[in-house]
Amino acid sequence: VDLITAASDTATGSGAIGAYSAFADTMDD
């Protein structure tokens, strides 16, 4: 279960960071 949770959290966390970065850059522009 730890492996499944870690993989899911990694995907979710990295996706959120990317979404926020794209959003912030778009808003600045």
mmCIF file of all heavy atoms, coordinates in Angstrom:
data_MODEL
# 
_entry.id   MODEL 
# 
loop_
_atom_site.group_PDB 
_atom_site.id 
_atom_site.type_symbol 
_atom_site.label_atom_id 
_atom_site.label_alt_id 
_atom_site.label_comp_id 
_atom_site.label_asym_id 
_atom_site.label_entity_id 
_atom_site.label_seq_id 
_atom_site.pdbx_PDB_ins_code 
_atom_site.Cartn_x 
_atom_site.Cartn_y 
_atom_site.Cartn_z 
_atom_site.occupancy 
_atom_site.B_iso_or_equiv 
_atom_site.pdbx_formal_charge 
_atom_site.auth_seq_id 
_atom_site.auth_comp_id 
_atom_site.auth_asym_id 
_atom_site.auth_atom_id 
_atom_site.pdbx_PDB_model_num 
ATOM 1   N N   . VAL A 1 1  ? 0.825  -1.203 0.000   1.00 0.00 ? 1  VAL A N   1 
ATOM 2   C CA  . VAL A 1 1  ? 0.000  0.000  0.000   1.00 0.00 ? 1  VAL A CA  1 
ATOM 3   C C   . VAL A 1 1  ? 0.859  1.253  0.000   1.00 0.00 ? 1  VAL A C   1 
ATOM 4   O O   . VAL A 1 1  ? 0.532  2.258  -0.650  1.00 0.00 ? 1  VAL A O   1 
ATOM 5   C CB  . VAL A 1 1  ? -0.951 -0.006 1.221   1.00 0.00 ? 1  VAL A CB  1 
ATOM 6   C CG1 . VAL A 1 1  ? -1.727 1.298  1.302   1.00 0.00 ? 1  VAL A CG1 1 
ATOM 7   C CG2 . VAL A 1 1  ? -1.912 -1.185 1.142   1.00 0.00 ? 1  VAL A CG2 1 
ATOM 8   N N   . ASP A 1 2  ? 1.995  1.222  0.730   1.00 0.00 ? 2  ASP A N   1 
ATOM 9   C CA  . ASP A 1 2  ? 2.886  2.393  0.759   1.00 0.00 ? 2  ASP A CA  1 
ATOM 10  C C   . ASP A 1 2  ? 3.404  2.725  -0.638  1.00 0.00 ? 2  ASP A C   1 
ATOM 11  O O   . ASP A 1 2  ? 3.546  3.901  -0.995  1.00 0.00 ? 2  ASP A O   1 
ATOM 12  C CB  . ASP A 1 2  ? 4.075  2.132  1.697   1.00 0.00 ? 2  ASP A CB  1 
ATOM 13  C CG  . ASP A 1 2  ? 3.695  2.208  3.164   1.00 0.00 ? 2  ASP A CG  1 
ATOM 14  O OD1 . ASP A 1 2  ? 2.644  2.807  3.460   1.00 0.00 ? 2  ASP A OD1 1 
ATOM 15  O OD2 . ASP A 1 2  ? 4.443  1.671  4.004   1.00 0.00 ? 2  ASP A OD2 1 
ATOM 16  N N   . LEU A 1 3  ? 3.691  1.709  -1.420  1.00 0.00 ? 3  LEU A N   1 
ATOM 17  C CA  . LEU A 1 3  ? 4.190  1.935  -2.776  1.00 0.00 ? 3  LEU A CA  1 
ATOM 18  C C   . LEU A 1 3  ? 3.117  2.588  -3.647  1.00 0.00 ? 3  LEU A C   1 
ATOM 19  O O   . LEU A 1 3  ? 3.395  3.550  -4.375  1.00 0.00 ? 3  LEU A O   1 
ATOM 20  C CB  . LEU A 1 3  ? 4.629  0.610  -3.394  1.00 0.00 ? 3  LEU A CB  1 
ATOM 21  C CG  . LEU A 1 3  ? 5.151  0.674  -4.841  1.00 0.00 ? 3  LEU A CG  1 
ATOM 22  C CD1 . LEU A 1 3  ? 6.365  1.576  -4.937  1.00 0.00 ? 3  LEU A CD1 1 
ATOM 23  C CD2 . LEU A 1 3  ? 5.470  -0.732 -5.346  1.00 0.00 ? 3  LEU A CD2 1 
ATOM 24  N N   . ILE A 1 4  ? 1.894  2.070  -3.540  1.00 0.00 ? 4  ILE A N   1 
ATOM 25  C CA  . ILE A 1 4  ? 0.795  2.642  -4.327  1.00 0.00 ? 4  ILE A CA  1 
ATOM 26  C C   . ILE A 1 4  ? 0.537  4.087  -3.915  1.00 0.00 ? 4  ILE A C   1 
ATOM 27  O O   . ILE A 1 4  ? 0.364  4.977  -4.754  1.00 0.00 ? 4  ILE A O   1 
ATOM 28  C CB  . ILE A 1 4  ? -0.477 1.787  -4.153  1.00 0.00 ? 4  ILE A CB  1 
ATOM 29  C CG1 . ILE A 1 4  ? -0.238 0.387  -4.721  1.00 0.00 ? 4  ILE A CG1 1 
ATOM 30  C CG2 . ILE A 1 4  ? -1.667 2.451  -4.843  1.00 0.00 ? 4  ILE A CG2 1 
ATOM 31  C CD1 . ILE A 1 4  ? -1.368 -0.589 -4.434  1.00 0.00 ? 4  ILE A CD1 1 
ATOM 32  N N   . THR A 1 5  ? 0.522  4.326  -2.587  1.00 0.00 ? 5  THR A N   1 
ATOM 33  C CA  . THR A 1 5  ? 0.274  5.678  -2.076  1.00 0.00 ? 5  THR A CA  1 
ATOM 34  C C   . THR A 1 5  ? 1.370  6.638  -2.510  1.00 0.00 ? 5  THR A C   1 
ATOM 35  O O   . THR A 1 5  ? 1.098  7.773  -2.929  1.00 0.00 ? 5  THR A O   1 
ATOM 36  C CB  . THR A 1 5  ? 0.176  5.659  -0.542  1.00 0.00 ? 5  THR A CB  1 
ATOM 37  O OG1 . THR A 1 5  ? -0.878 4.780  -0.152  1.00 0.00 ? 5  THR A OG1 1 
ATOM 38  C CG2 . THR A 1 5  ? -0.099 7.047  0.003   1.00 0.00 ? 5  THR A CG2 1 
ATOM 39  N N   . ALA A 1 6  ? 2.628  6.206  -2.420  1.00 0.00 ? 6  ALA A N   1 
ATOM 40  C CA  . ALA A 1 6  ? 3.750  7.068  -2.794  1.00 0.00 ? 6  ALA A CA  1 
ATOM 41  C C   . ALA A 1 6  ? 3.700  7.426  -4.277  1.00 0.00 ? 6  ALA A C   1 
ATOM 42  O O   . ALA A 1 6  ? 3.936  8.575  -4.663  1.00 0.00 ? 6  ALA A O   1 
ATOM 43  C CB  . ALA A 1 6  ? 5.077  6.382  -2.458  1.00 0.00 ? 6  ALA A CB  1 
ATOM 44  N N   . ALA A 1 7  ? 3.379  6.442  -5.117  1.00 0.00 ? 7  ALA A N   1 
ATOM 45  C CA  . ALA A 1 7  ? 3.298  6.704  -6.556  1.00 0.00 ? 7  ALA A CA  1 
ATOM 46  C C   . ALA A 1 7  ? 2.157  7.677  -6.865  1.00 0.00 ? 7  ALA A C   1 
ATOM 47  O O   . ALA A 1 7  ? 2.321  8.613  -7.658  1.00 0.00 ? 7  ALA A O   1 
ATOM 48  C CB  . ALA A 1 7  ? 3.105  5.397  -7.312  1.00 0.00 ? 7  ALA A CB  1 
ATOM 49  N N   . SER A 1 8  ? 1.016  7.458  -6.206  1.00 0.00 ? 8  SER A N   1 
ATOM 50  C CA  . SER A 1 8  ? -0.130 8.346  -6.431  1.00 0.00 ? 8  SER A CA  1 
ATOM 51  C C   . SER A 1 8  ? 0.167  9.766  -5.955  1.00 0.00 ? 8  SER A C   1 
ATOM 52  O O   . SER A 1 8  ? -0.141 10.746 -6.642  1.00 0.00 ? 8  SER A O   1 
ATOM 53  C CB  . SER A 1 8  ? -1.357 7.788  -5.702  1.00 0.00 ? 8  SER A CB  1 
ATOM 54  O OG  . SER A 1 8  ? -2.446 8.672  -5.803  1.00 0.00 ? 8  SER A OG  1 
ATOM 55  N N   . ASP A 1 9  ? 0.756  9.885  -4.768  1.00 0.00 ? 9  ASP A N   1 
ATOM 56  C CA  . ASP A 1 9  ? 1.072  11.207 -4.233  1.00 0.00 ? 9  ASP A CA  1 
ATOM 57  C C   . ASP A 1 9  ? 2.101  11.939 -5.092  1.00 0.00 ? 9  ASP A C   1 
ATOM 58  O O   . ASP A 1 9  ? 2.049  13.161 -5.250  1.00 0.00 ? 9  ASP A O   1 
ATOM 59  C CB  . ASP A 1 9  ? 1.592  11.091 -2.796  1.00 0.00 ? 9  ASP A CB  1 
ATOM 60  C CG  . ASP A 1 9  ? 0.501  10.724 -1.806  1.00 0.00 ? 9  ASP A CG  1 
ATOM 61  O OD1 . ASP A 1 9  ? -0.681 10.793 -2.186  1.00 0.00 ? 9  ASP A OD1 1 
ATOM 62  O OD2 . ASP A 1 9  ? 0.837  10.363 -0.656  1.00 0.00 ? 9  ASP A OD2 1 
ATOM 63  N N   . THR A 1 10 ? 3.063  11.183 -5.639  1.00 0.00 ? 10 THR A N   1 
ATOM 64  C CA  . THR A 1 10 ? 4.073  11.796 -6.503  1.00 0.00 ? 10 THR A CA  1 
ATOM 65  C C   . THR A 1 10 ? 3.438  12.372 -7.766  1.00 0.00 ? 10 THR A C   1 
ATOM 66  O O   . THR A 1 10 ? 3.717  13.511 -8.164  1.00 0.00 ? 10 THR A O   1 
ATOM 67  C CB  . THR A 1 10 ? 5.145  10.765 -6.889  1.00 0.00 ? 10 THR A CB  1 
ATOM 68  O OG1 . THR A 1 10 ? 5.793  10.297 -5.709  1.00 0.00 ? 10 THR A OG1 1 
ATOM 69  C CG2 . THR A 1 10 ? 6.183  11.380 -7.815  1.00 0.00 ? 10 THR A CG2 1 
ATOM 70  N N   . ALA A 1 11 ? 2.551  11.586 -8.372  1.00 0.00 ? 11 ALA A N   1 
ATOM 71  C CA  . ALA A 1 11 ? 1.879  12.063 -9.584  1.00 0.00 ? 11 ALA A CA  1 
ATOM 72  C C   . ALA A 1 11 ? 0.994  13.273 -9.286  1.00 0.00 ? 11 ALA A C   1 
ATOM 73  O O   . ALA A 1 11 ? 1.005  14.271 -10.009 1.00 0.00 ? 11 ALA A O   1 
ATOM 74  C CB  . ALA A 1 11 ? 1.049  10.932 -10.183 1.00 0.00 ? 11 ALA A CB  1 
ATOM 75  N N   . THR A 1 12 ? 0.228  13.188 -8.190  1.00 0.00 ? 12 THR A N   1 
ATOM 76  C CA  . THR A 1 12 ? -0.677 14.282 -7.837  1.00 0.00 ? 12 THR A CA  1 
ATOM 77  C C   . THR A 1 12 ? 0.096  15.546 -7.483  1.00 0.00 ? 12 THR A C   1 
ATOM 78  O O   . THR A 1 12 ? -0.235 16.646 -7.929  1.00 0.00 ? 12 THR A O   1 
ATOM 79  C CB  . THR A 1 12 ? -1.572 13.870 -6.655  1.00 0.00 ? 12 THR A CB  1 
ATOM 80  O OG1 . THR A 1 12 ? -2.345 12.720 -7.027  1.00 0.00 ? 12 THR A OG1 1 
ATOM 81  C CG2 . THR A 1 12 ? -2.512 14.996 -6.259  1.00 0.00 ? 12 THR A CG2 1 
ATOM 82  N N   . GLY A 1 13 ? 1.149  15.384 -6.671  1.00 0.00 ? 13 GLY A N   1 
ATOM 83  C CA  . GLY A 1 13 ? 1.933  16.547 -6.245  1.00 0.00 ? 13 GLY A CA  1 
ATOM 84  C C   . GLY A 1 13 ? 2.649  17.230 -7.386  1.00 0.00 ? 13 GLY A C   1 
ATOM 85  O O   . GLY A 1 13 ? 2.620  18.461 -7.510  1.00 0.00 ? 13 GLY A O   1 
ATOM 86  N N   . SER A 1 14 ? 3.286  16.440 -8.247  1.00 0.00 ? 14 SER A N   1 
ATOM 87  C CA  . SER A 1 14 ? 4.013  17.042 -9.373  1.00 0.00 ? 14 SER A CA  1 
ATOM 88  C C   . SER A 1 14 ? 3.050  17.693 -10.357 1.00 0.00 ? 14 SER A C   1 
ATOM 89  O O   . SER A 1 14 ? 3.337  18.754 -10.915 1.00 0.00 ? 14 SER A O   1 
ATOM 90  C CB  . SER A 1 14 ? 4.870  15.988 -10.081 1.00 0.00 ? 14 SER A CB  1 
ATOM 91  O OG  . SER A 1 14 ? 4.066  14.939 -10.590 1.00 0.00 ? 14 SER A OG  1 
ATOM 92  N N   . GLY A 1 15 ? 1.871  17.073 -10.546 1.00 0.00 ? 15 GLY A N   1 
ATOM 93  C CA  . GLY A 1 15 ? 0.874  17.673 -11.425 1.00 0.00 ? 15 GLY A CA  1 
ATOM 94  C C   . GLY A 1 15 ? 0.363  18.997 -10.895 1.00 0.00 ? 15 GLY A C   1 
ATOM 95  O O   . GLY A 1 15 ? 0.153  19.954 -11.652 1.00 0.00 ? 15 GLY A O   1 
ATOM 96  N N   . ALA A 1 16 ? 0.166  19.076 -9.562  1.00 0.00 ? 16 ALA A N   1 
ATOM 97  C CA  . ALA A 1 16 ? -0.308 20.312 -8.947  1.00 0.00 ? 16 ALA A CA  1 
ATOM 98  C C   . ALA A 1 16 ? 0.730  21.420 -9.086  1.00 0.00 ? 16 ALA A C   1 
ATOM 99  O O   . ALA A 1 16 ? 0.393  22.580 -9.366  1.00 0.00 ? 16 ALA A O   1 
ATOM 100 C CB  . ALA A 1 16 ? -0.644 20.073 -7.481  1.00 0.00 ? 16 ALA A CB  1 
ATOM 101 N N   . ILE A 1 17 ? 1.993  21.073 -8.887  1.00 0.00 ? 17 ILE A N   1 
ATOM 102 C CA  . ILE A 1 17 ? 3.061  22.065 -9.021  1.00 0.00 ? 17 ILE A CA  1 
ATOM 103 C C   . ILE A 1 17 ? 3.108  22.601 -10.451 1.00 0.00 ? 17 ILE A C   1 
ATOM 104 O O   . ILE A 1 17 ? 3.212  23.814 -10.696 1.00 0.00 ? 17 ILE A O   1 
ATOM 105 C CB  . ILE A 1 17 ? 4.416  21.453 -8.631  1.00 0.00 ? 17 ILE A CB  1 
ATOM 106 C CG1 . ILE A 1 17 ? 4.442  21.153 -7.120  1.00 0.00 ? 17 ILE A CG1 1 
ATOM 107 C CG2 . ILE A 1 17 ? 5.570  22.390 -9.000  1.00 0.00 ? 17 ILE A CG2 1 
ATOM 108 C CD1 . ILE A 1 17 ? 5.651  20.357 -6.685  1.00 0.00 ? 17 ILE A CD1 1 
ATOM 109 N N   . GLY A 1 18 ? 3.007  21.691 -11.423 1.00 0.00 ? 18 GLY A N   1 
ATOM 110 C CA  . GLY A 1 18 ? 3.013  22.116 -12.815 1.00 0.00 ? 18 GLY A CA  1 
ATOM 111 C C   . GLY A 1 18 ? 1.822  22.987 -13.161 1.00 0.00 ? 18 GLY A C   1 
ATOM 112 O O   . GLY A 1 18 ? 1.957  23.992 -13.872 1.00 0.00 ? 18 GLY A O   1 
ATOM 113 N N   . ALA A 1 19 ? 0.643  22.622 -12.645 1.00 0.00 ? 19 ALA A N   1 
ATOM 114 C CA  . ALA A 1 19 ? -0.563 23.405 -12.918 1.00 0.00 ? 19 ALA A CA  1 
ATOM 115 C C   . ALA A 1 19 ? -0.455 24.797 -12.317 1.00 0.00 ? 19 ALA A C   1 
ATOM 116 O O   . ALA A 1 19 ? -0.840 25.791 -12.946 1.00 0.00 ? 19 ALA A O   1 
ATOM 117 C CB  . ALA A 1 19 ? -1.793 22.680 -12.372 1.00 0.00 ? 19 ALA A CB  1 
ATOM 118 N N   . TYR A 1 20 ? 0.083  24.876 -11.095 1.00 0.00 ? 20 TYR A N   1 
ATOM 119 C CA  . TYR A 1 20 ? 0.207  26.188 -10.446 1.00 0.00 ? 20 TYR A CA  1 
ATOM 120 C C   . TYR A 1 20 ? 1.223  27.060 -11.174 1.00 0.00 ? 20 TYR A C   1 
ATOM 121 O O   . TYR A 1 20 ? 1.004  28.265 -11.352 1.00 0.00 ? 20 TYR A O   1 
ATOM 122 C CB  . TYR A 1 20 ? 0.624  26.013 -8.986  1.00 0.00 ? 20 TYR A CB  1 
ATOM 123 C CG  . TYR A 1 20 ? 0.596  27.299 -8.195  1.00 0.00 ? 20 TYR A CG  1 
ATOM 124 C CD1 . TYR A 1 20 ? -0.581 27.736 -7.591  1.00 0.00 ? 20 TYR A CD1 1 
ATOM 125 C CD2 . TYR A 1 20 ? 1.737  28.086 -8.054  1.00 0.00 ? 20 TYR A CD2 1 
ATOM 126 C CE1 . TYR A 1 20 ? -0.623 28.916 -6.863  1.00 0.00 ? 20 TYR A CE1 1 
ATOM 127 C CE2 . TYR A 1 20 ? 1.709  29.267 -7.340  1.00 0.00 ? 20 TYR A CE2 1 
ATOM 128 C CZ  . TYR A 1 20 ? 0.530  29.673 -6.741  1.00 0.00 ? 20 TYR A CZ  1 
ATOM 129 O OH  . TYR A 1 20 ? 0.503  30.853 -6.033  1.00 0.00 ? 20 TYR A OH  1 
ATOM 130 N N   . SER A 1 21 ? 2.325  26.451 -11.602 1.00 0.00 ? 21 SER A N   1 
ATOM 131 C CA  . SER A 1 21 ? 3.354  27.214 -12.320 1.00 0.00 ? 21 SER A CA  1 
ATOM 132 C C   . SER A 1 21 ? 2.805  27.748 -13.647 1.00 0.00 ? 21 SER A C   1 
ATOM 133 O O   . SER A 1 21 ? 3.025  28.913 -14.000 1.00 0.00 ? 21 SER A O   1 
ATOM 134 C CB  . SER A 1 21 ? 4.583  26.329 -12.580 1.00 0.00 ? 21 SER A CB  1 
ATOM 135 O OG  . SER A 1 21 ? 5.176  25.907 -11.367 1.00 0.00 ? 21 SER A OG  1 
ATOM 136 N N   . ALA A 1 22 ? 2.077  26.896 -14.384 1.00 0.00 ? 22 ALA A N   1 
ATOM 137 C CA  . ALA A 1 22 ? 1.489  27.337 -15.652 1.00 0.00 ? 22 ALA A CA  1 
ATOM 138 C C   . ALA A 1 22 ? 0.476  28.450 -15.415 1.00 0.00 ? 22 ALA A C   1 
ATOM 139 O O   . ALA A 1 22 ? 0.418  29.433 -16.166 1.00 0.00 ? 22 ALA A O   1 
ATOM 140 C CB  . ALA A 1 22 ? 0.822  26.154 -16.356 1.00 0.00 ? 22 ALA A CB  1 
ATOM 141 N N   . PHE A 1 23 ? -0.313 28.311 -14.351 1.00 0.00 ? 23 PHE A N   1 
ATOM 142 C CA  . PHE A 1 23 ? -1.318 29.325 -14.025 1.00 0.00 ? 23 PHE A CA  1 
ATOM 143 C C   . PHE A 1 23 ? -0.651 30.652 -13.662 1.00 0.00 ? 23 PHE A C   1 
ATOM 144 O O   . PHE A 1 23 ? -1.042 31.718 -14.169 1.00 0.00 ? 23 PHE A O   1 
ATOM 145 C CB  . PHE A 1 23 ? -2.174 28.818 -12.865 1.00 0.00 ? 23 PHE A CB  1 
ATOM 146 C CG  . PHE A 1 23 ? -3.073 29.850 -12.257 1.00 0.00 ? 23 PHE A CG  1 
ATOM 147 C CD1 . PHE A 1 23 ? -4.208 30.279 -12.925 1.00 0.00 ? 23 PHE A CD1 1 
ATOM 148 C CD2 . PHE A 1 23 ? -2.785 30.399 -11.021 1.00 0.00 ? 23 PHE A CD2 1 
ATOM 149 C CE1 . PHE A 1 23 ? -5.048 31.223 -12.366 1.00 0.00 ? 23 PHE A CE1 1 
ATOM 150 C CE2 . PHE A 1 23 ? -3.615 31.344 -10.450 1.00 0.00 ? 23 PHE A CE2 1 
ATOM 151 C CZ  . PHE A 1 23 ? -4.750 31.759 -11.119 1.00 0.00 ? 23 PHE A CZ  1 
ATOM 152 N N   . ALA A 1 24 ? 0.369  30.596 -12.786 1.00 0.00 ? 24 ALA A N   1 
ATOM 153 C CA  . ALA A 1 24 ? 1.036  31.825 -12.359 1.00 0.00 ? 24 ALA A CA  1 
ATOM 154 C C   . ALA A 1 24 ? 1.707  32.531 -13.533 1.00 0.00 ? 24 ALA A C   1 
ATOM 155 O O   . ALA A 1 24 ? 1.628  33.768 -13.663 1.00 0.00 ? 24 ALA A O   1 
ATOM 156 C CB  . ALA A 1 24 ? 2.060  31.506 -11.267 1.00 0.00 ? 24 ALA A CB  1 
ATOM 157 N N   . ASP A 1 25 ? 2.368  31.772 -14.392 1.00 0.00 ? 25 ASP A N   1 
ATOM 158 C CA  . ASP A 1 25 ? 3.018  32.372 -15.568 1.00 0.00 ? 25 ASP A CA  1 
ATOM 159 C C   . ASP A 1 25 ? 1.979  33.005 -16.504 1.00 0.00 ? 25 ASP A C   1 
ATOM 160 O O   . ASP A 1 25 ? 2.199  34.097 -17.047 1.00 0.00 ? 25 ASP A O   1 
ATOM 161 C CB  . ASP A 1 25 ? 3.819  31.312 -16.328 1.00 0.00 ? 25 ASP A CB  1 
ATOM 162 C CG  . ASP A 1 25 ? 5.050  30.863 -15.568 1.00 0.00 ? 25 ASP A CG  1 
ATOM 163 O OD1 . ASP A 1 25 ? 5.445  31.556 -14.610 1.00 0.00 ? 25 ASP A OD1 1 
ATOM 164 O OD2 . ASP A 1 25 ? 5.606  29.798 -15.918 1.00 0.00 ? 25 ASP A OD2 1 
ATOM 165 N N   . THR A 1 26 ? 0.873  32.313 -16.684 1.00 0.00 ? 26 THR A N   1 
ATOM 166 C CA  . THR A 1 26 ? -0.193 32.832 -17.557 1.00 0.00 ? 26 THR A CA  1 
ATOM 167 C C   . THR A 1 26 ? -0.761 34.128 -17.003 1.00 0.00 ? 26 THR A C   1 
ATOM 168 O O   . THR A 1 26 ? -1.011 35.089 -17.746 1.00 0.00 ? 26 THR A O   1 
ATOM 169 C CB  . THR A 1 26 ? -1.307 31.786 -17.717 1.00 0.00 ? 26 THR A CB  1 
ATOM 170 O OG1 . THR A 1 26 ? -0.763 30.599 -18.318 1.00 0.00 ? 26 THR A OG1 1 
ATOM 171 C CG2 . THR A 1 26 ? -2.440 32.319 -18.585 1.00 0.00 ? 26 THR A CG2 1 
ATOM 172 N N   . MET A 1 27 ? -0.981 34.175 -15.687 1.00 0.00 ? 27 MET A N   1 
ATOM 173 C CA  . MET A 1 27 ? -1.538 35.371 -15.068 1.00 0.00 ? 27 MET A CA  1 
ATOM 174 C C   . MET A 1 27 ? -0.565 36.544 -15.143 1.00 0.00 ? 27 MET A C   1 
ATOM 175 O O   . MET A 1 27 ? -0.965 37.699 -15.376 1.00 0.00 ? 27 MET A O   1 
ATOM 176 C CB  . MET A 1 27 ? -1.921 35.078 -13.624 1.00 0.00 ? 27 MET A CB  1 
ATOM 177 C CG  . MET A 1 27 ? -3.030 34.042 -13.475 1.00 0.00 ? 27 MET A CG  1 
ATOM 178 S SD  . MET A 1 27 ? -4.598 34.535 -14.218 1.00 0.00 ? 27 MET A SD  1 
ATOM 179 C CE  . MET A 1 27 ? -5.225 35.638 -12.946 1.00 0.00 ? 27 MET A CE  1 
ATOM 180 N N   . ASP A 1 28 ? 0.716  36.281 -14.939 1.00 0.00 ? 28 ASP A N   1 
ATOM 181 C CA  . ASP A 1 28 ? 1.724  37.349 -15.049 1.00 0.00 ? 28 ASP A CA  1 
ATOM 182 C C   . ASP A 1 28 ? 1.743  37.934 -16.458 1.00 0.00 ? 28 ASP A C   1 
ATOM 183 O O   . ASP A 1 28 ? 1.774  39.159 -16.645 1.00 0.00 ? 28 ASP A O   1 
ATOM 184 C CB  . ASP A 1 28 ? 3.113  36.798 -14.697 1.00 0.00 ? 28 ASP A CB  1 
ATOM 185 C CG  . ASP A 1 28 ? 3.297  36.577 -13.205 1.00 0.00 ? 28 ASP A CG  1 
ATOM 186 O OD1 . ASP A 1 28 ? 2.498  37.124 -12.427 1.00 0.00 ? 28 ASP A OD1 1 
ATOM 187 O OD2 . ASP A 1 28 ? 4.232  35.855 -12.832 1.00 0.00 ? 28 ASP A OD2 1 
ATOM 188 N N   . ASP A 1 29 ? 1.724  37.046 -17.445 1.00 0.00 ? 29 ASP A N   1 
ATOM 189 C CA  . ASP A 1 29 ? 1.734  37.503 -18.835 1.00 0.00 ? 29 ASP A CA  1 
ATOM 190 C C   . ASP A 1 29 ? 0.454  38.265 -19.165 1.00 0.00 ? 29 ASP A C   1 
ATOM 191 O O   . ASP A 1 29 ? 0.482  39.280 -19.870 1.00 0.00 ? 29 ASP A O   1 
ATOM 192 C CB  . ASP A 1 29 ? 1.893  36.297 -19.764 1.00 0.00 ? 29 ASP A CB  1 
ATOM 193 C CG  . ASP A 1 29 ? 1.890  36.699 -21.229 1.00 0.00 ? 29 ASP A CG  1 
ATOM 194 O OD1 . ASP A 1 29 ? 2.889  37.283 -21.681 1.00 0.00 ? 29 ASP A OD1 1 
ATOM 195 O OD2 . ASP A 1 29 ? 0.878  36.435 -21.917 1.00 0.00 ? 29 ASP A OD2 1 
# 
